[in-house]
Amino acid sequence: MISYGAREEQAVDYLVMWLRIRAPKDTWNLTNHGIRKVWNPVRFSWEVVIGGEPAPYAIYTNEPWISTKWHGAINPNQGWIQMAVEEAKPTLIGILSGVITEQDYQDLMSKATNQLSAMSIQAAERVV
């Protein structure tokens, strides 16, 4: 049987993967470097970080465009983080509650990894 702490880490890993799948992909930097898990030694827990030094612009991908530069246009990615978290909630609950077994989790992460890889290959093919 897997410990609750291990399930917490699995939930964070799944959320990071799902956020990477759902992130805007103009340059792929946010997906590849700007979404990650970090250990918080004060809270003794894993946390998800979006942005920071690898992608300092990350906040602007999620928030409304308020600069006059955009002439009232709507950010097409506005709210993507909240939407991705809402989409991930049922799976996160399943992981944390133990409903999703270790094998189910491995299958889920393999499928998500393959999905992200396929997206990357498709993007690369469009560039070539």
Protein backbone atom coordinates (compact mmCIF):
# COMPACT_ATOMS: atom_id res chain seq x y z
CA MET A 1 0.00 0.00 0.00
CA ILE A 2 1.29 3.43 -0.93
CA SER A 3 1.65 6.10 1.75
CA TYR A 4 -0.39 9.28 1.74
CA GLY A 5 2.82 11.32 1.27
CA ALA A 6 3.62 9.31 -1.85
CA ARG A 7 0.07 9.90 -3.14
CA GLU A 8 0.53 13.63 -2.52
CA GLU A 9 3.69 13.60 -4.63
CA GLN A 10 1.91 11.63 -7.35
CA ALA A 11 -0.91 14.20 -7.35
CA VAL A 12 1.60 17.04 -7.73
CA ASP A 13 3.40 15.18 -10.54
CA TYR A 14 0.07 14.64 -12.32
CA LEU A 15 -0.90 18.29 -11.92
CA VAL A 16 2.46 19.42 -13.32
CA MET A 17 2.00 17.11 -16.30
CA TRP A 18 -1.58 18.27 -16.90
CA LEU A 19 -0.56 21.94 -16.67
CA ARG A 20 2.20 21.26 -19.20
CA ILE A 21 -0.33 19.67 -21.55
CA ARG A 22 -2.76 22.60 -21.21
CA ALA A 23 -0.20 25.46 -21.18
CA PRO A 24 0.02 27.93 -24.09
CA LYS A 25 2.70 26.73 -26.48
CA ASP A 26 3.90 29.65 -28.59
CA THR A 27 7.55 28.85 -27.86
CA TRP A 28 7.15 25.76 -25.63
CA ASN A 29 9.40 27.38 -23.02
CA LEU A 30 6.60 27.60 -20.47
CA THR A 31 5.75 23.93 -21.00
CA ASN A 32 9.33 22.68 -21.01
CA HIS A 33 10.87 24.87 -18.29
CA GLY A 34 8.31 27.11 -16.61
CA ILE A 35 6.04 24.54 -14.94
CA ARG A 36 7.64 22.38 -12.27
CA LYS A 37 7.35 21.01 -8.77
CA VAL A 38 9.52 22.32 -5.95
CA TRP A 39 9.98 21.17 -2.39
CA ASN A 40 8.95 23.68 0.28
CA PRO A 41 11.02 22.78 3.37
CA VAL A 42 9.04 25.18 5.59
CA ARG A 43 5.68 23.59 4.78
CA PHE A 44 7.31 20.18 4.27
CA SER A 45 5.39 19.70 1.03
CA TRP A 46 5.65 19.73 -2.74
CA GLU A 47 4.37 22.79 -4.59
CA VAL A 48 3.70 23.60 -8.22
CA VAL A 49 5.49 26.64 -9.62
CA ILE A 50 4.41 28.28 -12.87
CA GLY A 51 6.78 30.91 -14.22
CA GLY A 52 9.65 32.25 -12.17
CA GLU A 53 13.09 32.72 -13.66
CA PRO A 54 12.66 30.26 -16.57
CA ALA A 55 9.41 31.92 -17.71
CA PRO A 56 8.90 35.32 -16.03
CA TYR A 57 6.12 36.17 -18.51
CA ALA A 58 3.94 33.26 -17.32
CA ILE A 59 1.55 35.46 -15.36
CA TYR A 60 0.67 37.36 -18.54
CA THR A 61 -0.42 34.14 -20.25
CA ASN A 62 -3.17 33.67 -17.65
CA GLU A 63 -4.35 37.18 -16.79
CA PRO A 64 -6.51 39.69 -18.70
CA TRP A 65 -4.70 42.04 -21.04
CA ILE A 66 -5.09 45.52 -19.54
CA SER A 67 -2.40 47.43 -21.42
CA THR A 68 -3.56 49.91 -24.05
CA LYS A 69 -1.08 48.12 -26.31
CA TRP A 70 -3.72 45.42 -26.86
CA HIS A 71 -6.48 47.87 -27.89
CA GLY A 72 -9.10 46.04 -25.79
CA ALA A 73 -8.30 42.59 -27.18
CA ILE A 74 -9.00 39.57 -24.99
CA ASN A 75 -6.13 37.32 -23.96
CA PRO A 76 -6.90 34.02 -25.73
CA ASN A 77 -5.19 32.10 -22.91
CA GLN A 78 -6.86 33.99 -20.07
CA GLY A 79 -7.70 31.66 -17.20
CA TRP A 80 -5.89 28.62 -18.61
CA ILE A 81 -4.40 27.73 -15.22
CA GLN A 82 -7.77 27.72 -13.45
CA MET A 83 -9.33 25.70 -16.28
CA ALA A 84 -6.51 23.13 -16.21
CA VAL A 85 -6.79 22.72 -12.43
CA GLU A 86 -10.56 22.26 -12.68
CA GLU A 87 -10.05 19.61 -15.38
CA ALA A 88 -7.45 17.82 -13.23
CA LYS A 89 -9.53 17.85 -10.01
CA PRO A 90 -11.33 14.52 -10.46
CA THR A 91 -8.05 12.73 -11.15
CA LEU A 92 -6.30 14.49 -8.27
CA ILE A 93 -9.11 13.41 -5.94
CA GLY A 94 -8.78 9.84 -7.21
CA ILE A 95 -5.03 9.84 -6.63
CA LEU A 96 -5.25 11.35 -3.14
CA SER A 97 -8.13 9.10 -2.04
CA GLY A 98 -6.39 5.95 -3.23
CA VAL A 99 -9.15 5.13 -5.74
CA ILE A 100 -6.55 5.34 -8.49
CA THR A 101 -4.20 2.41 -7.96
CA GLU A 102 -0.45 2.51 -8.46
CA GLN A 103 -0.86 0.71 -11.80
CA ASP A 104 -3.64 3.09 -12.86
CA TYR A 105 -1.38 6.01 -11.94
CA GLN A 106 1.53 4.62 -13.97
CA ASP A 107 -0.80 4.10 -16.95
CA LEU A 108 -2.22 7.61 -16.54
CA MET A 109 1.22 9.24 -16.46
CA SER A 110 2.42 7.19 -19.41
CA LYS A 111 -0.62 8.28 -21.43
CA ALA A 112 -0.08 11.93 -20.42
CA THR A 113 3.63 11.76 -21.30
CA ASN A 114 2.77 10.27 -24.69
CA GLN A 115 0.16 12.97 -25.28
CA LEU A 116 2.66 15.74 -24.53
CA SER A 117 5.29 14.06 -26.70
CA ALA A 118 2.83 13.80 -29.61
CA MET A 119 1.97 17.49 -29.23
CA SER A 120 5.67 18.35 -29.33
CA ILE A 121 6.26 16.28 -32.46
CA GLN A 122 3.26 17.87 -34.19
CA ALA A 123 4.56 21.35 -33.30
CA ALA A 124 8.02 20.49 -34.63
CA GLU A 125 6.54 19.18 -37.87
CA ARG A 126 4.68 22.47 -38.38
CA VAL A 127 7.97 24.38 -38.05
CA VAL A 128 9.83 22.25 -40.59
